[in-house]
Amino acid sequence: MGIKRHWIRYCMKFAGLSFSGRVATRLAALWAPPHKARTYLAGLTINGYISAHATVYSKDLKLGKNVFMDDRVLIYQRPNGGHIEIGDRVCIYRDTIIETGFGGHFRIGDDSSIHPRCQVNAYVGSIEIGQDVMIAPNCAFYPYDHGVAADRPISKQPLESKGGITVGDGAWIGVGSIVLGGVRIGDGAVVAAGSVVTKDVPANAIVAGAPSKVHKMRN
């Protein structure tokens, strides 16, 4: 175990988004356990742990310290997409897609986490996620929609938005929830599993349902 530990620490000294940094991360991962057991690797260097199997395609990415980015995460900025900002100690788990386009931008604050298989599309409207936010698996964030006029196919309709999405500090978004445009989720709010959020959620509220409604307050 001592040799493995020293090998991992040595390789992580060179980790980063460059080609050589990705190679160093791959070598460190050879001796590390999989999935969430690798999150500690991000704490070994301010450059964090960006899996060799993650894809980062962004010309305007601001990456915080000690970020953990798991296998098959995709960070994608379209040519007309806004900036992407990921805070310190953020964990983004496998198969999550974060993309910006049509002027939308994305920001997530320090110590927040996005669990596996989430879809985050900051198109037209932007997505702002606060600090210490927990987003469970299979969640989706869509601040935009297609027009539905009858004179042309849906695929030819322009994108439209009711506004961006904001998630306050300390909120928890449950498994399989969908958050739509023009919504603000307040600090400390809880969105129950499978909810569809179409209206603002007060701070410290617990909401559930499709569309979601306030069931009680945490305080």
Protein backbone atom coordinates (compact mmCIF):
# COMPACT_ATOMS: atom_id res chain seq x y z
CA MET A 1 0.00 0.00 0.00
CA GLY A 2 2.87 2.37 0.73
CA ILE A 3 4.24 2.11 -2.79
CA LYS A 4 0.82 2.69 -4.33
CA ARG A 5 0.17 5.72 -2.14
CA HIS A 6 3.53 7.29 -3.01
CA TRP A 7 2.97 6.58 -6.73
CA ILE A 8 -0.45 8.26 -6.67
CA ARG A 9 0.85 11.32 -4.83
CA TYR A 10 3.81 11.64 -7.20
CA CYS A 11 1.66 11.44 -10.35
CA MET A 12 -0.92 13.88 -9.02
CA LYS A 13 1.79 16.54 -8.66
CA PHE A 14 1.67 16.87 -12.45
CA ALA A 15 -2.10 16.59 -12.92
CA GLY A 16 -4.03 19.20 -14.87
CA LEU A 17 -5.91 19.95 -18.10
CA SER A 18 -2.83 19.85 -20.33
CA PHE A 19 -1.97 16.71 -22.29
CA SER A 20 0.81 15.80 -19.85
CA GLY A 21 -1.50 16.57 -16.93
CA ARG A 22 -4.15 14.20 -18.25
CA VAL A 23 -1.52 11.48 -18.70
CA ALA A 24 -0.38 11.98 -15.09
CA THR A 25 -3.97 11.67 -13.89
CA ARG A 26 -4.44 8.47 -15.86
CA LEU A 27 -1.30 6.98 -14.29
CA ALA A 28 -2.44 7.94 -10.79
CA ALA A 29 -5.84 6.35 -11.39
CA LEU A 30 -4.24 2.99 -12.23
CA TRP A 31 -3.64 2.46 -8.51
CA ALA A 32 -6.70 4.24 -7.14
CA PRO A 33 -10.14 2.73 -6.42
CA PRO A 34 -12.97 3.73 -8.80
CA HIS A 35 -15.82 6.24 -8.75
CA LYS A 36 -16.40 8.20 -5.52
CA ALA A 37 -13.45 6.58 -3.79
CA ARG A 38 -11.27 8.72 -6.08
CA THR A 39 -12.55 12.06 -4.86
CA TYR A 40 -9.65 12.35 -2.40
CA LEU A 41 -7.29 12.61 -5.38
CA ALA A 42 -8.67 16.07 -6.12
CA GLY A 43 -7.38 17.24 -2.73
CA LEU A 44 -3.79 16.26 -3.52
CA THR A 45 -3.24 19.21 -5.87
CA ILE A 46 -4.94 22.55 -6.54
CA ASN A 47 -5.25 21.39 -10.16
CA GLY A 48 -7.73 18.78 -8.95
CA TYR A 49 -8.59 15.45 -10.54
CA ILE A 50 -9.84 15.61 -14.13
CA SER A 51 -10.36 12.05 -15.33
CA ALA A 52 -8.49 11.06 -18.46
CA HIS A 53 -11.90 9.86 -19.71
CA ALA A 54 -13.59 13.24 -19.19
CA THR A 55 -14.00 15.61 -22.14
CA VAL A 56 -13.48 19.35 -21.71
CA TYR A 57 -14.27 21.46 -24.78
CA SER A 58 -14.44 25.08 -23.71
CA LYS A 59 -12.49 28.19 -24.65
CA ASP A 60 -13.80 30.15 -21.66
CA LEU A 61 -13.57 27.80 -18.67
CA LYS A 62 -12.75 29.01 -15.18
CA LEU A 63 -11.80 26.01 -13.07
CA GLY A 64 -11.50 26.32 -9.30
CA LYS A 65 -9.09 24.54 -6.97
CA ASN A 66 -9.33 20.83 -6.11
CA VAL A 67 -12.16 20.08 -8.57
CA PHE A 68 -13.13 16.43 -9.07
CA MET A 69 -14.34 15.51 -12.56
CA ASP A 70 -15.21 11.84 -13.00
CA ASP A 71 -15.15 9.48 -15.99
CA ARG A 72 -17.17 10.46 -19.07
CA VAL A 73 -18.10 13.92 -17.81
CA LEU A 74 -18.58 16.28 -20.78
CA ILE A 75 -18.02 20.03 -20.51
CA TYR A 76 -19.07 21.58 -23.82
CA GLN A 77 -19.22 25.23 -24.87
CA ARG A 78 -20.85 25.84 -28.24
CA PRO A 79 -19.36 28.63 -30.41
CA ASN A 80 -22.20 30.90 -29.26
CA GLY A 81 -22.17 29.64 -25.67
CA GLY A 82 -21.22 31.68 -22.63
CA HIS A 83 -18.51 31.03 -20.07
CA ILE A 84 -18.40 28.07 -17.70
CA GLU A 85 -17.27 28.62 -14.11
CA ILE A 86 -16.67 25.76 -11.67
CA GLY A 87 -15.88 26.67 -8.07
CA ASP A 88 -13.40 25.20 -5.60
CA ARG A 89 -13.84 21.59 -4.46
CA VAL A 90 -16.78 20.96 -6.79
CA CYS A 91 -17.44 17.27 -7.58
CA ILE A 92 -18.96 16.34 -10.94
CA TYR A 93 -19.66 12.63 -11.23
CA ARG A 94 -19.68 10.34 -14.23
CA ASP A 95 -21.82 10.71 -17.35
CA THR A 96 -22.92 14.25 -16.47
CA ILE A 97 -23.15 16.73 -19.37
CA ILE A 98 -22.76 20.48 -18.86
CA GLU A 99 -23.11 22.65 -21.94
CA THR A 100 -23.69 26.29 -22.84
CA GLY A 101 -25.10 27.78 -26.03
CA PHE A 102 -27.06 30.66 -27.55
CA GLY A 103 -25.67 33.15 -25.02
CA GLY A 104 -26.31 31.17 -21.85
CA HIS A 105 -23.59 30.68 -19.25
CA PHE A 106 -23.10 28.28 -16.35
CA ARG A 107 -21.69 28.78 -12.86
CA ILE A 108 -21.50 26.46 -9.86
CA GLY A 109 -20.21 27.57 -6.47
CA ASP A 110 -17.68 26.10 -4.05
CA ASP A 111 -18.25 22.68 -2.42
CA SER A 112 -21.25 21.78 -4.60
CA SER A 113 -21.74 18.38 -6.24
CA ILE A 114 -23.50 17.04 -9.32
CA HIS A 115 -24.08 13.30 -9.20
CA PRO A 116 -24.14 10.86 -12.12
CA ARG A 117 -26.08 11.25 -15.36
CA CYS A 118 -27.29 14.83 -14.93
CA GLN A 119 -28.02 17.03 -17.95
CA VAL A 120 -27.30 20.75 -17.52
CA ASN A 121 -28.10 22.83 -20.65
CA ALA A 122 -27.53 26.55 -20.24
CA TYR A 123 -29.08 27.59 -23.55
CA VAL A 124 -30.53 31.10 -24.03
CA GLY A 125 -31.00 31.40 -20.25
CA SER A 126 -28.13 30.92 -17.85
CA ILE A 127 -27.79 28.51 -14.91
CA GLU A 128 -26.37 29.74 -11.59
CA ILE A 129 -25.86 27.16 -8.83
CA GLY A 130 -24.76 28.34 -5.39
CA GLN A 131 -22.36 26.94 -2.82
CA ASP A 132 -22.73 23.61 -1.02
CA VAL A 133 -25.57 22.50 -3.31
CA MET A 134 -26.25 18.78 -3.73
CA ILE A 135 -27.73 17.64 -7.04
CA ALA A 136 -28.73 13.97 -7.07
CA PRO A 137 -28.42 11.63 -10.08
CA ASN A 138 -30.51 11.94 -13.25
CA CYS A 139 -31.52 15.57 -12.76
CA ALA A 140 -32.06 17.96 -15.68
CA PHE A 141 -31.84 21.75 -15.90
CA TYR A 142 -33.42 23.40 -18.96
CA PRO A 143 -33.85 27.20 -18.98
CA TYR A 144 -35.09 27.15 -22.59
CA ASP A 145 -37.74 25.63 -24.83
CA HIS A 146 -38.65 25.43 -28.52
CA GLY A 147 -41.40 27.58 -29.95
CA VAL A 148 -44.60 25.72 -30.77
CA ALA A 149 -46.20 27.85 -33.51
CA ALA A 150 -48.22 25.75 -35.95
CA ASP A 151 -46.72 27.20 -39.15
CA ARG A 152 -43.48 25.19 -39.08
CA PRO A 153 -41.97 22.01 -37.62
CA ILE A 154 -40.85 22.07 -33.99
CA SER A 155 -37.26 21.41 -35.10
CA LYS A 156 -37.30 24.71 -37.05
CA GLN A 157 -38.74 26.82 -34.23
CA PRO A 158 -36.50 29.38 -32.48
CA LEU A 159 -35.37 28.72 -28.93
CA GLU A 160 -37.06 30.80 -26.26
CA SER A 161 -36.67 31.20 -22.52
CA LYS A 162 -38.66 32.42 -19.53
CA GLY A 163 -35.38 33.30 -17.85
CA GLY A 164 -32.41 31.63 -16.24
CA ILE A 165 -32.28 29.11 -13.40
CA THR A 166 -30.84 30.00 -9.99
CA VAL A 167 -30.24 27.52 -7.17
CA GLY A 168 -29.43 29.05 -3.78
CA ASP A 169 -26.74 27.99 -1.34
CA GLY A 170 -27.24 24.74 0.54
CA ALA A 171 -30.15 23.48 -1.58
CA TRP A 172 -30.74 19.80 -2.32
CA ILE A 173 -32.21 18.65 -5.64
CA GLY A 174 -33.56 15.08 -5.39
CA VAL A 175 -33.13 12.19 -7.83
CA GLY A 176 -34.67 12.63 -11.27
CA SER A 177 -35.90 16.18 -10.75
CA ILE A 178 -36.38 18.60 -13.65
CA VAL A 179 -35.87 22.35 -13.22
CA LEU A 180 -37.22 24.64 -15.95
CA GLY A 181 -36.56 28.23 -16.99
CA GLY A 182 -37.37 31.33 -14.97
CA VAL A 183 -37.08 29.49 -11.64
CA ARG A 184 -35.23 30.47 -8.49
CA ILE A 185 -34.76 27.77 -5.83
CA GLY A 186 -34.06 29.46 -2.50
CA ASP A 187 -31.26 28.84 -0.03
CA GLY A 188 -31.61 25.57 1.86
CA ALA A 189 -34.60 24.38 -0.15
CA VAL A 190 -35.27 20.69 -0.80
CA VAL A 191 -36.73 19.42 -4.08
CA ALA A 192 -38.13 15.91 -3.63
CA ALA A 193 -37.24 13.11 -6.04
CA GLY A 194 -39.03 13.20 -9.39
CA SER A 195 -40.28 16.76 -9.06
CA VAL A 196 -40.81 19.16 -11.96
CA VAL A 197 -39.99 22.69 -10.81
CA THR A 198 -41.78 25.36 -12.85
CA LYS A 199 -42.13 28.13 -10.22
CA ASP A 200 -39.90 29.72 -7.60
CA VAL A 201 -39.19 27.72 -4.45
CA PRO A 202 -38.91 29.71 -1.18
CA ALA A 203 -35.83 29.38 0.99
CA ASN A 204 -35.97 26.33 3.29
CA ALA A 205 -39.11 24.99 1.59
CA ILE A 206 -39.62 21.30 0.82
CA VAL A 207 -41.38 20.88 -2.52
CA ALA A 208 -42.61 17.80 -4.39
CA GLY A 209 -44.73 16.86 -7.36
CA ALA A 210 -45.17 17.67 -11.04
CA PRO A 211 -45.56 20.58 -11.03
CA SER A 212 -43.92 20.94 -7.63
CA LYS A 213 -45.73 22.47 -4.67
CA VAL A 214 -44.63 23.43 -1.18
CA HIS A 215 -45.38 20.62 1.29
CA LYS A 216 -43.74 22.10 4.37
CA MET A 217 -40.92 24.32 5.59
CA ARG A 218 -37.68 23.07 7.11
CA ASN A 219 -37.87 25.71 9.83
